[in-house]
Amino acid sequence: MRKGSVKEVLAKIKYDPRENEGDYYILIEHRGAYGDVKRIPVEMIELGHGYFFVGEAQIPYHRILKVVRKDGRVIWETRKI
């Protein structure tokens, strides 16, 4: 499940022609959202250094909890302490 950093996983999904970024979404920690978790389609994000962008919003990678395929398969998950 967890292979590499979340940025590496997202870069593979976004830039590998064998992948369809529309098949994936991320779950992020978002205070104020229902259950403090927000779901964002991967096709809506732009990758940066230390942050990713959703429109004008800049969000740090450490807020990503999971990367999930639309069929429910978890591709990447943050480590639990």
PDB file of N, CA and C in Angstrom:
ATOM      1  N   MET A   1       0.822  -1.191   0.000  1.00  0.00           N
ATOM      2  CA  MET A   1       0.000   0.000   0.000  1.00  0.00           C
ATOM      3  C   MET A   1       0.862   1.250   0.000  1.00  0.00           C
ATOM      4  N   ARG A   2       1.668   1.462   1.000  1.00  0.00           N
ATOM      5  CA  ARG A   2       2.451   2.680   1.112  1.00  0.00           C
ATOM      6  C   ARG A   2       3.828   2.464   0.500  1.00  0.00           C
ATOM      7  N   LYS A   3       4.045   3.031  -0.681  1.00  0.00           N
ATOM      8  CA  LYS A   3       5.346   2.930  -1.349  1.00  0.00           C
ATOM      9  C   LYS A   3       5.763   4.326  -1.750  1.00  0.00           C
ATOM     10  N   GLY A   4       6.769   4.878  -1.069  1.00  0.00           N
ATOM     11  CA  GLY A   4       7.245   6.212  -1.380  1.00  0.00           C
ATOM     12  C   GLY A   4       6.437   7.296  -0.692  1.00  0.00           C
ATOM     13  N   SER A   5       6.801   8.528  -0.998  1.00  0.00           N
ATOM     14  CA  SER A   5       6.115   9.668  -0.404  1.00  0.00           C
ATOM     15  C   SER A   5       4.793   9.912  -1.121  1.00  0.00           C
ATOM     16  N   VAL A   6       3.923  10.647  -0.467  1.00  0.00           N
ATOM     17  CA  VAL A   6       2.640  10.960  -1.079  1.00  0.00           C
ATOM     18  C   VAL A   6       2.839  11.790  -2.346  1.00  0.00           C
ATOM     19  N   LYS A   7       3.845  12.646  -2.364  1.00  0.00           N
ATOM     20  CA  LYS A   7       4.108  13.446  -3.563  1.00  0.00           C
ATOM     21  C   LYS A   7       4.518  12.543  -4.735  1.00  0.00           C
ATOM     22  N   GLU A   8       5.331  11.524  -4.477  1.00  0.00           N
ATOM     23  CA  GLU A   8       5.729  10.583  -5.526  1.00  0.00           C
ATOM     24  C   GLU A   8       4.520   9.814  -6.059  1.00  0.00           C
ATOM     25  N   VAL A   9       3.649   9.403  -5.168  1.00  0.00           N
ATOM     26  CA  VAL A   9       2.446   8.668  -5.569  1.00  0.00           C
ATOM     27  C   VAL A   9       1.556   9.554  -6.435  1.00  0.00           C
ATOM     28  N   LEU A  10       1.353  10.793  -6.013  1.00  0.00           N
ATOM     29  CA  LEU A  10       0.511  11.714  -6.775  1.00  0.00           C
ATOM     30  C   LEU A  10       1.141  12.058  -8.128  1.00  0.00           C
ATOM     31  N   ALA A  11       2.461  12.224  -8.158  1.00  0.00           N
ATOM     32  CA  ALA A  11       3.145  12.521  -9.425  1.00  0.00           C
ATOM     33  C   ALA A  11       2.971  11.369 -10.408  1.00  0.00           C
ATOM     34  N   LYS A  12       3.056  10.136  -9.925  1.00  0.00           N
ATOM     35  CA  LYS A  12       2.858   8.981 -10.803  1.00  0.00           C
ATOM     36  C   LYS A  12       1.435   8.982 -11.352  1.00  0.00           C
ATOM     37  N   ILE A  13       0.458   9.234 -10.496  1.00  0.00           N
ATOM     38  CA  ILE A  13      -0.939   9.255 -10.936  1.00  0.00           C
ATOM     39  C   ILE A  13      -1.159  10.361 -11.974  1.00  0.00           C
ATOM     40  N   LYS A  14      -0.604  11.538 -11.726  1.00  0.00           N
ATOM     41  CA  LYS A  14      -0.852  12.678 -12.604  1.00  0.00           C
ATOM     42  C   LYS A  14      -0.078  12.626 -13.916  1.00  0.00           C
ATOM     43  N   TYR A  15       1.141  12.090 -13.896  1.00  0.00           N
ATOM     44  CA  TYR A  15       2.011  12.216 -15.062  1.00  0.00           C
ATOM     45  C   TYR A  15       2.300  10.921 -15.816  1.00  0.00           C
ATOM     46  N   ASP A  16       1.965   9.781 -15.236  1.00  0.00           N
ATOM     47  CA  ASP A  16       2.170   8.501 -15.929  1.00  0.00           C
ATOM     48  C   ASP A  16       1.012   8.301 -16.910  1.00  0.00           C
ATOM     49  N   PRO A  17       1.302   8.169 -18.211  1.00  0.00           N
ATOM     50  CA  PRO A  17       0.219   8.034 -19.191  1.00  0.00           C
ATOM     51  C   PRO A  17      -0.611   6.757 -19.014  1.00  0.00           C
ATOM     52  N   ARG A  18      -0.105   5.801 -18.249  1.00  0.00           N
ATOM     53  CA  ARG A  18      -0.872   4.566 -18.002  1.00  0.00           C
ATOM     54  C   ARG A  18      -1.945   4.767 -16.932  1.00  0.00           C
ATOM     55  N   GLU A  19      -1.858   5.864 -16.195  1.00  0.00           N
ATOM     56  CA  GLU A  19      -2.816   6.153 -15.124  1.00  0.00           C
ATOM     57  C   GLU A  19      -3.850   7.161 -15.599  1.00  0.00           C
ATOM     58  N   ASN A  20      -5.033   7.106 -15.036  1.00  0.00           N
ATOM     59  CA  ASN A  20      -6.084   8.085 -15.290  1.00  0.00           C
ATOM     60  C   ASN A  20      -6.344   8.815 -13.978  1.00  0.00           C
ATOM     61  N   GLU A  21      -5.924  10.063 -13.889  1.00  0.00           N
ATOM     62  CA  GLU A  21      -6.047  10.794 -12.631  1.00  0.00           C
ATOM     63  C   GLU A  21      -7.500  10.950 -12.200  1.00  0.00           C
ATOM     64  N   GLY A  22      -8.434  10.827 -13.120  1.00  0.00           N
ATOM     65  CA  GLY A  22      -9.848  10.889 -12.775  1.00  0.00           C
ATOM     66  C   GLY A  22     -10.329   9.704 -11.959  1.00  0.00           C
ATOM     67  N   ASP A  23      -9.502   8.660 -11.867  1.00  0.00           N
ATOM     68  CA  ASP A  23      -9.859   7.465 -11.098  1.00  0.00           C
ATOM     69  C   ASP A  23      -9.440   7.553  -9.633  1.00  0.00           C
ATOM     70  N   TYR A  24      -8.896   8.682  -9.203  1.00  0.00           N
ATOM     71  CA  TYR A  24      -8.340   8.800  -7.855  1.00  0.00           C
ATOM     72  C   TYR A  24      -8.843  10.049  -7.150  1.00  0.00           C
ATOM     73  N   TYR A  25      -8.853   9.978  -5.827  1.00  0.00           N
ATOM     74  CA  TYR A  25      -9.120  11.156  -5.003  1.00  0.00           C
ATOM     75  C   TYR A  25      -8.251  11.080  -3.760  1.00  0.00           C
ATOM     76  N   ILE A  26      -8.102  12.208  -3.087  1.00  0.00           N
ATOM     77  CA  ILE A  26      -7.357  12.243  -1.833  1.00  0.00           C
ATOM     78  C   ILE A  26      -8.307  12.633  -0.714  1.00  0.00           C
ATOM     79  N   LEU A  27      -7.979  12.194   0.480  1.00  0.00           N
ATOM     80  CA  LEU A  27      -8.672  12.632   1.689  1.00  0.00           C
ATOM     81  C   LEU A  27      -7.681  13.473   2.481  1.00  0.00           C
ATOM     82  N   ILE A  28      -8.102  14.692   2.828  1.00  0.00           N
ATOM     83  CA  ILE A  28      -7.217  15.558   3.599  1.00  0.00           C
ATOM     84  C   ILE A  28      -7.863  15.920   4.920  1.00  0.00           C
ATOM     85  N   GLU A  29      -7.016  16.231   5.897  1.00  0.00           N
ATOM     86  CA  GLU A  29      -7.482  16.763   7.168  1.00  0.00           C
ATOM     87  C   GLU A  29      -7.913  18.199   6.906  1.00  0.00           C
ATOM     88  N   HIS A  30      -9.183  18.499   7.199  1.00  0.00           N
ATOM     89  CA  HIS A  30      -9.726  19.831   6.928  1.00  0.00           C
ATOM     90  C   HIS A  30     -10.661  20.212   8.070  1.00  0.00           C
ATOM     91  N   ARG A  31     -10.142  20.987   8.992  1.00  0.00           N
ATOM     92  CA  ARG A  31     -10.952  21.389  10.146  1.00  0.00           C
ATOM     93  C   ARG A  31     -12.177  22.168   9.673  1.00  0.00           C
ATOM     94  N   GLY A  32     -13.299  21.815  10.216  1.00  0.00           N
ATOM     95  CA  GLY A  32     -14.540  22.471   9.843  1.00  0.00           C
ATOM     96  C   GLY A  32     -15.367  21.667   8.856  1.00  0.00           C
ATOM     97  N   ALA A  33     -14.734  20.765   8.123  1.00  0.00           N
ATOM     98  CA  ALA A  33     -15.485  19.891   7.213  1.00  0.00           C
ATOM     99  C   ALA A  33     -16.131  18.780   8.046  1.00  0.00           C
ATOM    100  N   TYR A  34     -17.125  18.130   7.489  1.00  0.00           N
ATOM    101  CA  TYR A  34     -17.782  17.031   8.184  1.00  0.00           C
ATOM    102  C   TYR A  34     -16.750  15.973   8.550  1.00  0.00           C
ATOM    103  N   GLY A  35     -16.616  15.659   9.832  1.00  0.00           N
ATOM    104  CA  GLY A  35     -15.641  14.682  10.300  1.00  0.00           C
ATOM    105  C   GLY A  35     -14.204  15.161  10.182  1.00  0.00           C
ATOM    106  N   ASP A  36     -14.018  16.459   9.926  1.00  0.00           N
ATOM    107  CA  ASP A  36     -12.693  17.069   9.744  1.00  0.00           C
ATOM    108  C   ASP A  36     -11.915  16.455   8.583  1.00  0.00           C
ATOM    109  N   VAL A  37     -12.619  15.870   7.614  1.00  0.00           N
ATOM    110  CA  VAL A  37     -11.991  15.260   6.447  1.00  0.00           C
ATOM    111  C   VAL A  37     -12.688  15.782   5.189  1.00  0.00           C
ATOM    112  N   LYS A  38     -11.879  16.098   4.186  1.00  0.00           N
ATOM    113  CA  LYS A  38     -12.417  16.574   2.911  1.00  0.00           C
ATOM    114  C   LYS A  38     -11.883  15.697   1.788  1.00  0.00           C
ATOM    115  N   ARG A  39     -12.733  15.410   0.819  1.00  0.00           N
ATOM    116  CA  ARG A  39     -12.370  14.572  -0.332  1.00  0.00           C
ATOM    117  C   ARG A  39     -12.140  15.496  -1.530  1.00  0.00           C
ATOM    118  N   ILE A  40     -10.987  15.315  -2.207  1.00  0.00           N
ATOM    119  CA  ILE A  40     -10.636  16.141  -3.362  1.00  0.00           C
ATOM    120  C   ILE A  40     -10.202  15.228  -4.510  1.00  0.00           C
ATOM    121  N   PRO A  41     -10.822  15.367  -5.685  1.00  0.00           N
ATOM    122  CA  PRO A  41     -10.372  14.583  -6.848  1.00  0.00           C
ATOM    123  C   PRO A  41      -8.937  14.970  -7.232  1.00  0.00           C
ATOM    124  N   VAL A  42      -8.109  13.989  -7.561  1.00  0.00           N
ATOM    125  CA  VAL A  42      -6.713  14.248  -7.929  1.00  0.00           C
ATOM    126  C   VAL A  42      -6.631  15.174  -9.140  1.00  0.00           C
ATOM    127  N   GLU A  43      -7.585  15.082 -10.058  1.00  0.00           N
ATOM    128  CA  GLU A  43      -7.548  15.930 -11.245  1.00  0.00           C
ATOM    129  C   GLU A  43      -7.696  17.415 -10.920  1.00  0.00           C
ATOM    130  N   MET A  44      -8.126  17.756  -9.711  1.00  0.00           N
ATOM    131  CA  MET A  44      -8.285  19.159  -9.324  1.00  0.00           C
ATOM    132  C   MET A  44      -7.033  19.764  -8.698  1.00  0.00           C
ATOM    133  N   ILE A  45      -6.006  18.941  -8.428  1.00  0.00           N
ATOM    134  CA  ILE A  45      -4.838  19.469  -7.710  1.00  0.00           C
ATOM    135  C   ILE A  45      -3.658  19.698  -8.649  1.00  0.00           C
ATOM    136  N   GLU A  46      -2.833  20.660  -8.260  1.00  0.00           N
ATOM    137  CA  GLU A  46      -1.554  20.946  -8.922  1.00  0.00           C
ATOM    138  C   GLU A  46      -0.466  20.672  -7.894  1.00  0.00           C
ATOM    139  N   LEU A  47       0.584  19.976  -8.295  1.00  0.00           N
ATOM    140  CA  LEU A  47       1.654  19.635  -7.363  1.00  0.00           C
ATOM    141  C   LEU A  47       2.671  20.754  -7.281  1.00  0.00           C
ATOM    142  N   GLY A  48       3.195  20.976  -6.070  1.00  0.00           N
ATOM    143  CA  GLY A  48       4.239  21.954  -5.837  1.00  0.00           C
ATOM    144  C   GLY A  48       5.275  21.368  -4.896  1.00  0.00           C
ATOM    145  N   HIS A  49       6.193  22.199  -4.417  1.00  0.00           N
ATOM    146  CA  HIS A  49       7.234  21.763  -3.475  1.00  0.00           C
ATOM    147  C   HIS A  49       6.746  21.997  -2.061  1.00  0.00           C
ATOM    148  N   GLY A  50       6.455  20.919  -1.337  1.00  0.00           N
ATOM    149  CA  GLY A  50       5.988  21.036   0.038  1.00  0.00           C
ATOM    150  C   GLY A  50       4.499  21.297   0.154  1.00  0.00           C
ATOM    151  N   TYR A  51       3.880  21.712  -0.933  1.00  0.00           N
ATOM    152  CA  TYR A  51       2.453  22.021  -0.945  1.00  0.00           C
ATOM    153  C   TYR A  51       1.841  21.533  -2.243  1.00  0.00           C
ATOM    154  N   PHE A  52       0.525  21.366  -2.241  1.00  0.00           N
ATOM    155  CA  PHE A  52      -0.210  21.196  -3.483  1.00  0.00           C
ATOM    156  C   PHE A  52      -1.273  22.281  -3.513  1.00  0.00           C
ATOM    157  N   PHE A  53      -1.807  22.528  -4.677  1.00  0.00           N
ATOM    158  CA  PHE A  53      -2.749  23.618  -4.856  1.00  0.00           C
ATOM    159  C   PHE A  53      -4.075  23.100  -5.375  1.00  0.00           C
ATOM    160  N   VAL A  54      -5.149  23.657  -4.839  1.00  0.00           N
ATOM    161  CA  VAL A  54      -6.502  23.437  -5.332  1.00  0.00           C
ATOM    162  C   VAL A  54      -7.027  24.836  -5.621  1.00  0.00           C
ATOM    163  N   GLY A  55      -6.985  25.196  -6.888  1.00  0.00           N
ATOM    164  CA  GLY A  55      -7.311  26.580  -7.243  1.00  0.00           C
ATOM    165  C   GLY A  55      -6.275  27.506  -6.619  1.00  0.00           C
ATOM    166  N   GLU A  56      -6.727  28.472  -5.855  1.00  0.00           N
ATOM    167  CA  GLU A  56      -5.840  29.421  -5.177  1.00  0.00           C
ATOM    168  C   GLU A  56      -5.343  28.901  -3.823  1.00  0.00           C
ATOM    169  N   ALA A  57      -5.979  27.869  -3.297  1.00  0.00           N
ATOM    170  CA  ALA A  57      -5.627  27.348  -1.968  1.00  0.00           C
ATOM    171  C   ALA A  57      -4.334  26.541  -2.017  1.00  0.00           C
ATOM    172  N   GLN A  58      -3.448  26.823  -1.081  1.00  0.00           N
ATOM    173  CA  GLN A  58      -2.168  26.116  -0.943  1.00  0.00           C
ATOM    174  C   GLN A  58      -2.265  25.231   0.295  1.00  0.00           C
ATOM    175  N   ILE A  59      -2.082  23.921   0.107  1.00  0.00           N
ATOM    176  CA  ILE A  59      -2.274  22.956   1.190  1.00  0.00           C
ATOM    177  C   ILE A  59      -1.021  22.103   1.334  1.00  0.00           C
ATOM    178  N   PRO A  60      -0.479  21.975   2.562  1.00  0.00           N
ATOM    179  CA  PRO A  60       0.725  21.156   2.743  1.00  0.00           C
ATOM    180  C   PRO A  60       0.437  19.661   2.575  1.00  0.00           C
ATOM    181  N   TYR A  61       1.421  18.952   2.027  1.00  0.00           N
ATOM    182  CA  TYR A  61       1.262  17.514   1.795  1.00  0.00           C
ATOM    183  C   TYR A  61       0.978  16.742   3.082  1.00  0.00           C
ATOM    184  N   HIS A  62       1.490  17.222   4.219  1.00  0.00           N
ATOM    185  CA  HIS A  62       1.295  16.457   5.456  1.00  0.00           C
ATOM    186  C   HIS A  62      -0.170  16.400   5.893  1.00  0.00           C
ATOM    187  N   ARG A  63      -1.043  17.175   5.282  1.00  0.00           N
ATOM    188  CA  ARG A  63      -2.469  17.125   5.609  1.00  0.00           C
ATOM    189  C   ARG A  63      -3.195  16.001   4.858  1.00  0.00           C
ATOM    190  N   ILE A  64      -2.506  15.373   3.888  1.00  0.00           N
ATOM    191  CA  ILE A  64      -3.133  14.269   3.149  1.00  0.00           C
ATOM    192  C   ILE A  64      -3.156  13.029   4.039  1.00  0.00           C
ATOM    193  N   LEU A  65      -4.342  12.457   4.190  1.00  0.00           N
ATOM    194  CA  LEU A  65      -4.518  11.259   5.002  1.00  0.00           C
ATOM    195  C   LEU A  65      -4.459   9.991   4.158  1.00  0.00           C
ATOM    196  N   LYS A  66      -5.061  10.051   2.942  1.00  0.00           N
ATOM    197  CA  LYS A  66      -5.111   8.867   2.069  1.00  0.00           C
ATOM    198  C   LYS A  66      -5.177   9.294   0.614  1.00  0.00           C
ATOM    199  N   VAL A  67      -4.669   8.413  -0.246  1.00  0.00           N
ATOM    200  CA  VAL A  67      -4.895   8.488  -1.690  1.00  0.00           C
ATOM    201  C   VAL A  67      -5.675   7.222  -2.024  1.00  0.00           C
ATOM    202  N   VAL A  68      -6.842   7.393  -2.662  1.00  0.00           N
ATOM    203  CA  VAL A  68      -7.774   6.279  -2.862  1.00  0.00           C
ATOM    204  C   VAL A  68      -8.226   6.217  -4.316  1.00  0.00           C
ATOM    205  N   ARG A  69      -8.337   4.990  -4.843  1.00  0.00           N
ATOM    206  CA  ARG A  69      -8.955   4.799  -6.160  1.00  0.00           C
ATOM    207  C   ARG A  69     -10.466   4.874  -5.971  1.00  0.00           C
ATOM    208  N   LYS A  70     -11.174   5.205  -7.026  1.00  0.00           N
ATOM    209  CA  LYS A  70     -12.628   5.318  -6.924  1.00  0.00           C
ATOM    210  C   LYS A  70     -13.300   3.992  -6.591  1.00  0.00           C
ATOM    211  N   ASP A  71     -12.604   2.867  -6.820  1.00  0.00           N
ATOM    212  CA  ASP A  71     -13.165   1.566  -6.442  1.00  0.00           C
ATOM    213  C   ASP A  71     -12.983   1.273  -4.955  1.00  0.00           C
ATOM    214  N   GLY A  72     -12.374   2.216  -4.206  1.00  0.00           N
ATOM    215  CA  GLY A  72     -12.207   2.074  -2.761  1.00  0.00           C
ATOM    216  C   GLY A  72     -10.845   1.569  -2.329  1.00  0.00           C
ATOM    217  N   ARG A  73     -10.006   1.162  -3.260  1.00  0.00           N
ATOM    218  CA  ARG A  73      -8.674   0.650  -2.912  1.00  0.00           C
ATOM    219  C   ARG A  73      -7.771   1.792  -2.445  1.00  0.00           C
ATOM    220  N   VAL A  74      -7.208   1.648  -1.254  1.00  0.00           N
ATOM    221  CA  VAL A  74      -6.304   2.658  -0.709  1.00  0.00           C
ATOM    222  C   VAL A  74      -4.928   2.460  -1.333  1.00  0.00           C
ATOM    223  N   ILE A  75      -4.413   3.497  -1.990  1.00  0.00           N
ATOM    224  CA  ILE A  75      -3.124   3.455  -2.663  1.00  0.00           C
ATOM    225  C   ILE A  75      -2.000   3.902  -1.734  1.00  0.00           C
ATOM    226  N   TRP A  76      -2.292   4.916  -0.929  1.00  0.00           N
ATOM    227  CA  TRP A  76      -1.321   5.454   0.016  1.00  0.00           C
ATOM    228  C   TRP A  76      -2.086   5.926   1.241  1.00  0.00           C
ATOM    229  N   GLU A  77      -1.493   5.698   2.418  1.00  0.00           N
ATOM    230  CA  GLU A  77      -2.112   6.141   3.666  1.00  0.00           C
ATOM    231  C   GLU A  77      -1.040   6.635   4.602  1.00  0.00           C
ATOM    232  N   THR A  78      -1.324   7.701   5.325  1.00  0.00           N
ATOM    233  CA  THR A  78      -0.365   8.230   6.276  1.00  0.00           C
ATOM    234  C   THR A  78      -0.082   7.189   7.356  1.00  0.00           C
ATOM    235  N   ARG A  79       1.097   7.216   7.889  1.00  0.00           N
ATOM    236  CA  ARG A  79       1.448   6.259   8.955  1.00  0.00           C
ATOM    237  C   ARG A  79       0.738   6.609  10.236  1.00  0.00           C
ATOM    238  N   LYS A  80       0.285   5.604  10.900  1.00  0.00           N
ATOM    239  CA  LYS A  80      -0.366   5.780  12.203  1.00  0.00           C
ATOM    240  C   LYS A  80       0.695   5.615  13.290  1.00  0.00           C
ATOM    241  N   ILE A  81       0.647   6.472  14.295  1.00  0.00           N
ATOM    242  CA  ILE A  81       1.646   6.386  15.374  1.00  0.00           C
ATOM    243  C   ILE A  81       1.088   5.572  16.515  1.00  0.00           C
TER     244      ILE A  81
END
